[in-house]
Each structure stands twice: as C-alpha cells, then as structure tokens.
Amino acid sequence: MHKVNSIIMRAPKMSIFETAANLELWPKILPHYRYVNYLERGQDRHVVVMAAQHAGIPIKWTSEEIIDRDCVEVRFNHLKAFTKGMRVVWTFTETPEGVRVEIVHDLNFRIPLLAPIAEPIIGDFFTYNVANKTLRCMKAYVESK
C-alpha cells in the first residue's frame, strides 16, 4: 500500500513543521483525533498511542514518532496491530503558492493472503481519508494564527 496526501498551506514552513511535530496539540486542533497518549518521551523521539475516528468508527494505533529537524521531516513507524510496519513521512516543501505539506504512507501488509482485502480498507477507507482531514484541519489552524 502506498498513499500520498498533500495540501498547500500558507504559513511559515517551520511553524507548520512544529505544529505537525507537536502531537500534544493534535487533539486540540484536529476534531477527528480523540487523544494522543505518550508511552515514551524523548527529545525528538516519542512512542505514542494515537486515536482518531473516521465515519464514526474509532481507530487506534501505537506509533514511534521521529522528529528530524535537520531534514525538516516528521516520521512515524507503526508498531502494533493491523498497521504494524507502516511507515509515514511528513515533508514540507516551499513553493511559490505556499508550503506543500505531504504525507506518504507505505505498508507491506504482514499477511500477504489478506493484503488484497486489508490494504483497500486500511489504505483507502481509513488512512487516506484521515490524512486528508488532518491536512485540511491543520491548514485551517496554521493559516489562522
């Protein structure tokens, strides 16, 4: 599964990056996020349990967040459950229109026999839609500051 979501945000690149990296802020500015609980905290690495909802269906996953200030990227590695092994990368690219914020999700489903069924559900129904809503809500937040 490979999914790409992107949006143009009209705000300073580093402000957008810091907002994306600040998971404590997410449930406050993203109405579809129910909570983010920290299991481990570090300088630029955290392990969190994240919970959101899509179409009234609650979803939850455990993820390692890596904040790469040198590359200006936020990366996530899903550690448990159906999305175990999913790699997520947020990038921030300045363009003449604004900052293009892109989220790339990659997952090789662990059970190849179930992949044709699981990947459309995980990738299209949940991941793609939740990421789009995340980008739209984050855009509204950073552009209103």
N, C-alpha and C. Protein backbone atom coordinates (compact mmCIF):
# COMPACT_ATOMS: atom_id res chain seq x y z
N MET A 1 0.84 -1.17 0.00
CA MET A 1 0.00 0.00 0.00
C MET A 1 0.89 1.24 0.00
N HIS A 2 0.58 2.16 -0.86
CA HIS A 2 1.31 3.43 -0.95
C HIS A 2 0.26 4.52 -1.15
N LYS A 3 0.15 5.42 -0.19
CA LYS A 3 -0.82 6.52 -0.26
C LYS A 3 -0.10 7.84 -0.06
N VAL A 4 -0.48 8.83 -0.86
CA VAL A 4 0.12 10.16 -0.76
C VAL A 4 -1.00 11.17 -0.65
N ASN A 5 -0.92 12.02 0.38
CA ASN A 5 -1.83 13.14 0.56
C ASN A 5 -1.00 14.40 0.61
N SER A 6 -1.50 15.48 0.02
CA SER A 6 -0.77 16.75 0.12
C SER A 6 -1.75 17.91 0.05
N ILE A 7 -1.26 19.05 0.54
CA ILE A 7 -2.05 20.28 0.55
C ILE A 7 -1.07 21.45 0.60
N ILE A 8 -1.47 22.59 0.09
CA ILE A 8 -0.67 23.81 0.20
C ILE A 8 -1.15 24.58 1.43
N MET A 9 -0.20 24.96 2.29
CA MET A 9 -0.51 25.77 3.47
C MET A 9 0.22 27.10 3.32
N ARG A 10 -0.47 28.16 3.65
CA ARG A 10 0.10 29.50 3.57
C ARG A 10 0.45 29.98 4.98
N ALA A 11 1.61 29.53 5.43
CA ALA A 11 2.13 29.87 6.75
C ALA A 11 3.63 29.59 6.70
N PRO A 12 4.41 30.11 7.65
CA PRO A 12 5.85 29.83 7.64
C PRO A 12 6.13 28.32 7.76
N LYS A 13 7.06 27.85 6.95
CA LYS A 13 7.39 26.43 6.89
C LYS A 13 7.69 25.85 8.27
N MET A 14 8.52 26.53 9.06
CA MET A 14 8.90 25.97 10.36
C MET A 14 7.74 25.98 11.35
N SER A 15 6.83 26.92 11.20
CA SER A 15 5.64 26.93 12.06
C SER A 15 4.76 25.72 11.74
N ILE A 16 4.61 25.41 10.45
CA ILE A 16 3.84 24.23 10.05
C ILE A 16 4.53 22.96 10.56
N PHE A 17 5.83 22.88 10.37
CA PHE A 17 6.60 21.72 10.82
C PHE A 17 6.44 21.50 12.33
N GLU A 18 6.60 22.56 13.11
CA GLU A 18 6.48 22.44 14.57
C GLU A 18 5.06 22.04 14.98
N THR A 19 4.06 22.52 14.27
CA THR A 19 2.68 22.13 14.56
C THR A 19 2.49 20.64 14.27
N ALA A 20 3.00 20.18 13.14
CA ALA A 20 2.88 18.76 12.78
C ALA A 20 3.63 17.87 13.78
N ALA A 21 4.75 18.33 14.26
CA ALA A 21 5.58 17.54 15.18
C ALA A 21 5.00 17.51 16.60
N ASN A 22 4.16 18.46 16.95
CA ASN A 22 3.64 18.61 18.31
C ASN A 22 2.36 17.78 18.49
N LEU A 23 2.52 16.51 18.81
CA LEU A 23 1.37 15.62 18.91
C LEU A 23 0.42 15.98 20.04
N GLU A 24 0.91 16.64 21.08
CA GLU A 24 0.02 17.06 22.17
C GLU A 24 -1.04 18.03 21.66
N LEU A 25 -0.71 18.77 20.62
CA LEU A 25 -1.62 19.76 20.05
C LEU A 25 -2.71 19.12 19.19
N TRP A 26 -2.42 17.97 18.61
CA TRP A 26 -3.32 17.38 17.63
C TRP A 26 -4.77 17.23 18.09
N PRO A 27 -5.06 16.65 19.25
CA PRO A 27 -6.48 16.51 19.64
C PRO A 27 -7.18 17.86 19.84
N LYS A 28 -6.41 18.90 20.06
CA LYS A 28 -7.00 20.24 20.26
C LYS A 28 -7.35 20.91 18.94
N ILE A 29 -6.61 20.61 17.88
CA ILE A 29 -6.83 21.30 16.60
C ILE A 29 -7.39 20.39 15.50
N LEU A 30 -7.40 19.09 15.75
CA LEU A 30 -7.91 18.12 14.78
C LEU A 30 -9.12 17.42 15.40
N PRO A 31 -10.32 17.82 15.01
CA PRO A 31 -11.52 17.30 15.70
C PRO A 31 -11.74 15.80 15.57
N HIS A 32 -11.12 15.17 14.59
CA HIS A 32 -11.28 13.72 14.42
C HIS A 32 -10.30 12.92 15.27
N TYR A 33 -9.36 13.60 15.94
CA TYR A 33 -8.43 12.92 16.85
C TYR A 33 -9.04 12.90 18.25
N ARG A 34 -9.16 11.70 18.81
CA ARG A 34 -9.75 11.55 20.14
C ARG A 34 -8.72 11.80 21.23
N TYR A 35 -7.50 11.27 21.04
CA TYR A 35 -6.43 11.50 22.02
C TYR A 35 -5.10 11.06 21.44
N VAL A 36 -4.03 11.54 22.08
CA VAL A 36 -2.67 11.07 21.85
C VAL A 36 -2.07 10.88 23.24
N ASN A 37 -1.71 9.64 23.57
CA ASN A 37 -1.10 9.33 24.87
C ASN A 37 0.35 8.92 24.66
N TYR A 38 1.22 9.53 25.44
CA TYR A 38 2.65 9.23 25.34
C TYR A 38 3.01 8.02 26.19
N LEU A 39 3.68 7.04 25.58
CA LEU A 39 4.22 5.90 26.30
C LEU A 39 5.69 6.14 26.63
N GLU A 40 6.39 6.83 25.74
CA GLU A 40 7.79 7.22 25.93
C GLU A 40 7.96 8.63 25.39
N ARG A 41 8.75 9.43 26.11
CA ARG A 41 9.06 10.79 25.65
C ARG A 41 10.56 10.95 25.54
N GLY A 42 10.98 11.59 24.48
CA GLY A 42 12.39 11.89 24.29
C GLY A 42 12.53 13.27 23.70
N GLN A 43 13.74 13.63 23.35
CA GLN A 43 13.98 14.94 22.73
C GLN A 43 13.25 15.03 21.39
N ASP A 44 13.56 14.14 20.48
CA ASP A 44 12.96 14.15 19.15
C ASP A 44 12.44 12.77 18.75
N ARG A 45 12.17 11.94 19.75
CA ARG A 45 11.60 10.61 19.52
C ARG A 45 10.62 10.30 20.63
N HIS A 46 9.43 9.87 20.23
CA HIS A 46 8.39 9.53 21.18
C HIS A 46 7.71 8.25 20.74
N VAL A 47 7.12 7.54 21.68
CA VAL A 47 6.23 6.43 21.36
C VAL A 47 4.87 6.82 21.91
N VAL A 48 3.87 6.76 21.04
CA VAL A 48 2.54 7.25 21.40
C VAL A 48 1.46 6.27 20.98
N VAL A 49 0.35 6.34 21.69
CA VAL A 49 -0.88 5.70 21.25
C VAL A 49 -1.76 6.82 20.73
N MET A 50 -2.15 6.72 19.46
CA MET A 50 -2.97 7.74 18.82
C MET A 50 -4.35 7.15 18.54
N ALA A 51 -5.38 7.97 18.74
CA ALA A 51 -6.74 7.50 18.48
C ALA A 51 -7.50 8.59 17.73
N ALA A 52 -8.16 8.16 16.68
CA ALA A 52 -8.96 9.07 15.86
C ALA A 52 -10.26 8.35 15.54
N GLN A 53 -11.05 8.97 14.68
CA GLN A 53 -12.24 8.31 14.18
C GLN A 53 -12.47 8.73 12.74
N HIS A 54 -13.07 7.81 12.00
CA HIS A 54 -13.45 8.11 10.62
C HIS A 54 -14.82 7.49 10.38
N ALA A 55 -15.73 8.30 9.87
CA ALA A 55 -17.09 7.84 9.59
C ALA A 55 -17.72 7.21 10.84
N GLY A 56 -17.42 7.78 12.00
CA GLY A 56 -17.97 7.28 13.25
C GLY A 56 -17.31 6.03 13.79
N ILE A 57 -16.29 5.54 13.11
CA ILE A 57 -15.60 4.32 13.53
C ILE A 57 -14.32 4.70 14.27
N PRO A 58 -14.18 4.29 15.54
CA PRO A 58 -12.95 4.62 16.27
C PRO A 58 -11.78 3.77 15.78
N ILE A 59 -10.64 4.42 15.63
CA ILE A 59 -9.41 3.71 15.26
C ILE A 59 -8.31 4.11 16.23
N LYS A 60 -7.35 3.20 16.43
CA LYS A 60 -6.28 3.44 17.39
C LYS A 60 -5.04 2.70 16.91
N TRP A 61 -3.87 3.31 17.14
CA TRP A 61 -2.62 2.66 16.76
C TRP A 61 -1.50 3.16 17.66
N THR A 62 -0.44 2.37 17.75
CA THR A 62 0.75 2.73 18.51
C THR A 62 1.84 3.05 17.50
N SER A 63 2.52 4.16 17.73
CA SER A 63 3.48 4.62 16.74
C SER A 63 4.69 5.25 17.41
N GLU A 64 5.82 5.10 16.74
CA GLU A 64 7.03 5.82 17.12
C GLU A 64 7.07 7.07 16.25
N GLU A 65 7.23 8.23 16.89
CA GLU A 65 7.39 9.49 16.15
C GLU A 65 8.85 9.90 16.20
N ILE A 66 9.41 10.24 15.05
CA ILE A 66 10.77 10.75 14.97
C ILE A 66 10.70 12.13 14.32
N ILE A 67 11.18 13.12 15.05
CA ILE A 67 11.20 14.49 14.55
C ILE A 67 12.61 14.76 14.04
N ASP A 68 12.75 14.90 12.74
CA ASP A 68 14.05 15.12 12.11
C ASP A 68 14.17 16.60 11.74
N ARG A 69 14.78 17.35 12.63
CA ARG A 69 14.90 18.81 12.42
C ARG A 69 15.89 19.15 11.31
N ASP A 70 16.90 18.30 11.09
CA ASP A 70 17.87 18.55 10.02
C ASP A 70 17.21 18.42 8.64
N CYS A 71 16.40 17.40 8.45
CA CYS A 71 15.73 17.18 7.17
C CYS A 71 14.36 17.87 7.10
N VAL A 72 13.93 18.42 8.21
CA VAL A 72 12.59 19.01 8.35
C VAL A 72 11.54 17.98 7.90
N GLU A 73 11.53 16.86 8.61
CA GLU A 73 10.57 15.79 8.37
C GLU A 73 10.05 15.27 9.72
N VAL A 74 8.84 14.80 9.69
CA VAL A 74 8.27 14.09 10.83
C VAL A 74 7.95 12.69 10.30
N ARG A 75 8.50 11.68 10.98
CA ARG A 75 8.32 10.30 10.55
C ARG A 75 7.63 9.50 11.65
N PHE A 76 6.82 8.56 11.22
CA PHE A 76 6.14 7.67 12.13
C PHE A 76 6.37 6.23 11.69
N ASN A 77 6.56 5.35 12.66
CA ASN A 77 6.64 3.92 12.42
C ASN A 77 5.56 3.27 13.27
N HIS A 78 4.59 2.63 12.63
CA HIS A 78 3.52 1.98 13.38
C HIS A 78 4.06 0.68 13.97
N LEU A 79 3.80 0.48 15.25
CA LEU A 79 4.44 -0.60 16.00
C LEU A 79 3.55 -1.80 16.31
N LYS A 80 2.23 -1.65 16.22
CA LYS A 80 1.33 -2.73 16.64
C LYS A 80 0.10 -2.81 15.74
N ALA A 81 -0.63 -3.89 15.90
CA ALA A 81 -1.95 -4.15 15.32
C ALA A 81 -1.89 -4.22 13.79
N PHE A 82 -3.01 -3.91 13.15
CA PHE A 82 -3.14 -4.10 11.70
C PHE A 82 -2.17 -3.26 10.89
N THR A 83 -1.78 -2.10 11.42
CA THR A 83 -0.88 -1.23 10.65
C THR A 83 0.59 -1.39 11.06
N LYS A 84 0.90 -2.44 11.82
CA LYS A 84 2.29 -2.67 12.21
C LYS A 84 3.18 -2.71 10.96
N GLY A 85 4.26 -1.94 11.02
CA GLY A 85 5.18 -1.86 9.89
C GLY A 85 4.91 -0.70 8.96
N MET A 86 3.80 0.02 9.16
CA MET A 86 3.53 1.17 8.30
C MET A 86 4.55 2.26 8.56
N ARG A 87 5.06 2.83 7.49
CA ARG A 87 5.99 3.96 7.55
C ARG A 87 5.26 5.19 7.03
N VAL A 88 5.36 6.27 7.79
CA VAL A 88 4.70 7.52 7.44
C VAL A 88 5.74 8.63 7.45
N VAL A 89 5.76 9.44 6.41
CA VAL A 89 6.71 10.56 6.34
C VAL A 89 5.95 11.82 5.97
N TRP A 90 6.12 12.84 6.81
CA TRP A 90 5.61 14.18 6.53
C TRP A 90 6.77 15.01 5.99
N THR A 91 6.56 15.67 4.85
CA THR A 91 7.56 16.57 4.30
C THR A 91 6.93 17.94 4.08
N PHE A 92 7.80 18.96 4.01
CA PHE A 92 7.37 20.36 3.94
C PHE A 92 8.22 21.04 2.88
N THR A 93 7.63 21.38 1.73
CA THR A 93 8.38 21.92 0.61
C THR A 93 7.85 23.30 0.25
N GLU A 94 8.73 24.27 0.26
CA GLU A 94 8.32 25.63 -0.10
C GLU A 94 8.09 25.71 -1.61
N THR A 95 6.97 26.31 -2.00
CA THR A 95 6.62 26.52 -3.39
C THR A 95 6.17 27.98 -3.55
N PRO A 96 6.04 28.47 -4.76
CA PRO A 96 5.54 29.85 -4.93
C PRO A 96 4.14 30.05 -4.35
N GLU A 97 3.33 28.99 -4.28
CA GLU A 97 1.96 29.10 -3.76
C GLU A 97 1.89 29.02 -2.25
N GLY A 98 2.92 28.47 -1.62
CA GLY A 98 2.93 28.25 -0.18
C GLY A 98 3.77 27.02 0.13
N VAL A 99 3.55 26.44 1.27
CA VAL A 99 4.31 25.24 1.67
C VAL A 99 3.46 24.01 1.33
N ARG A 100 4.02 23.13 0.50
CA ARG A 100 3.33 21.87 0.19
C ARG A 100 3.67 20.88 1.30
N VAL A 101 2.65 20.51 2.04
CA VAL A 101 2.79 19.53 3.12
C VAL A 101 2.29 18.20 2.55
N GLU A 102 3.17 17.21 2.59
CA GLU A 102 2.85 15.92 2.01
C GLU A 102 3.01 14.84 3.07
N ILE A 103 2.05 13.93 3.09
CA ILE A 103 2.11 12.76 3.98
C ILE A 103 2.12 11.53 3.09
N VAL A 104 3.16 10.71 3.25
CA VAL A 104 3.27 9.47 2.50
C VAL A 104 3.16 8.31 3.48
N HIS A 105 2.24 7.40 3.19
CA HIS A 105 2.06 6.18 3.98
C HIS A 105 2.47 4.98 3.13
N ASP A 106 3.33 4.14 3.66
CA ASP A 106 3.73 2.91 2.99
C ASP A 106 3.55 1.73 3.94
N LEU A 107 2.94 0.67 3.43
CA LEU A 107 2.72 -0.52 4.24
C LEU A 107 2.74 -1.75 3.35
N ASN A 108 3.58 -2.71 3.70
CA ASN A 108 3.51 -4.04 3.13
C ASN A 108 2.80 -4.89 4.16
N PHE A 109 1.55 -5.18 3.89
CA PHE A 109 0.75 -5.91 4.87
C PHE A 109 1.41 -7.24 5.21
N ARG A 110 1.45 -7.57 6.51
CA ARG A 110 2.21 -8.73 7.00
C ARG A 110 1.65 -10.07 6.56
N ILE A 111 0.38 -10.13 6.23
CA ILE A 111 -0.23 -11.40 5.83
C ILE A 111 -0.59 -11.27 4.34
N PRO A 112 0.30 -11.70 3.47
CA PRO A 112 0.09 -11.49 2.03
C PRO A 112 -1.26 -12.00 1.51
N LEU A 113 -1.76 -13.08 2.04
CA LEU A 113 -3.03 -13.63 1.58
C LEU A 113 -4.20 -12.67 1.84
N LEU A 114 -4.11 -11.89 2.93
CA LEU A 114 -5.17 -10.95 3.28
C LEU A 114 -4.96 -9.55 2.71
N ALA A 115 -3.79 -9.31 2.15
CA ALA A 115 -3.46 -7.96 1.65
C ALA A 115 -4.48 -7.41 0.67
N PRO A 116 -4.97 -8.18 -0.29
CA PRO A 116 -5.95 -7.60 -1.24
C PRO A 116 -7.23 -7.10 -0.58
N ILE A 117 -7.56 -7.65 0.57
CA ILE A 117 -8.74 -7.20 1.31
C ILE A 117 -8.37 -6.08 2.29
N ALA A 118 -7.29 -6.27 3.03
CA ALA A 118 -6.91 -5.34 4.09
C ALA A 118 -6.41 -4.01 3.55
N GLU A 119 -5.60 -4.04 2.50
CA GLU A 119 -4.99 -2.79 2.03
C GLU A 119 -6.01 -1.75 1.56
N PRO A 120 -7.07 -2.11 0.83
CA PRO A 120 -8.05 -1.07 0.48
C PRO A 120 -8.78 -0.51 1.70
N ILE A 121 -9.04 -1.36 2.68
CA ILE A 121 -9.72 -0.88 3.89
C ILE A 121 -8.78 0.03 4.68
N ILE A 122 -7.57 -0.44 4.95
CA ILE A 122 -6.61 0.36 5.71
C ILE A 122 -6.18 1.58 4.91
N GLY A 123 -5.85 1.38 3.63
CA GLY A 123 -5.29 2.46 2.83
C GLY A 123 -6.29 3.48 2.35
N ASP A 124 -7.36 3.02 1.71
CA ASP A 124 -8.32 3.95 1.12
C ASP A 124 -9.32 4.47 2.13
N PHE A 125 -9.98 3.55 2.83
CA PHE A 125 -11.06 3.97 3.72
C PHE A 125 -10.55 4.73 4.94
N PHE A 126 -9.51 4.22 5.60
CA PHE A 126 -9.03 4.87 6.81
C PHE A 126 -7.87 5.83 6.55
N THR A 127 -6.72 5.33 6.15
CA THR A 127 -5.51 6.14 6.08
C THR A 127 -5.68 7.37 5.19
N TYR A 128 -6.10 7.19 3.96
CA TYR A 128 -6.21 8.29 3.02
C TYR A 128 -7.19 9.35 3.51
N ASN A 129 -8.35 8.91 3.99
CA ASN A 129 -9.36 9.86 4.44
C ASN A 129 -8.96 10.59 5.72
N VAL A 130 -8.39 9.87 6.68
CA VAL A 130 -7.95 10.52 7.92
C VAL A 130 -6.82 11.51 7.63
N ALA A 131 -5.88 11.14 6.77
CA ALA A 131 -4.78 12.06 6.43
C ALA A 131 -5.30 13.30 5.73
N ASN A 132 -6.27 13.17 4.84
CA ASN A 132 -6.84 14.35 4.17
C ASN A 132 -7.48 15.29 5.18
N LYS A 133 -8.24 14.73 6.11
CA LYS A 133 -8.89 15.56 7.12
C LYS A 133 -7.84 16.21 8.03
N THR A 134 -6.80 15.46 8.36
CA THR A 134 -5.71 16.02 9.17
C THR A 134 -5.08 17.22 8.47
N LEU A 135 -4.78 17.09 7.20
CA LEU A 135 -4.16 18.19 6.46
C LEU A 135 -5.10 19.39 6.37
N ARG A 136 -6.37 19.18 6.09
CA ARG A 136 -7.32 20.29 5.97
C ARG A 136 -7.46 21.04 7.30
N CYS A 137 -7.57 20.29 8.40
CA CYS A 137 -7.72 20.93 9.71
C CYS A 137 -6.45 21.63 10.15
N MET A 138 -5.30 21.02 9.87
CA MET A 138 -4.03 21.65 10.23
C MET A 138 -3.83 22.92 9.41
N LYS A 139 -4.18 22.90 8.15
CA LYS A 139 -4.11 24.09 7.29
C LYS A 139 -4.95 25.22 7.90
N ALA A 140 -6.18 24.93 8.26
CA ALA A 140 -7.05 25.95 8.85
C ALA A 140 -6.41 26.52 10.12
N TYR A 141 -5.81 25.67 10.93
CA TYR A 141 -5.19 26.12 12.17
C TYR A 141 -3.98 27.02 11.91
N VAL A 142 -3.03 26.56 11.09
CA VAL A 142 -1.80 27.34 10.89
C VAL A 142 -2.05 28.62 10.12
N GLU A 143 -3.06 28.61 9.24
CA GLU A 143 -3.35 29.82 8.48
C GLU A 143 -4.13 30.84 9.29
N SER A 144 -4.72 30.42 10.41
CA SER A 144 -5.49 31.36 11.24
C SER A 144 -4.62 32.03 12.30
N LYS A 145 -3.38 31.54 12.47
CA LYS A 145 -2.50 32.07 13.52
C LYS A 145 -1.92 33.41 13.12
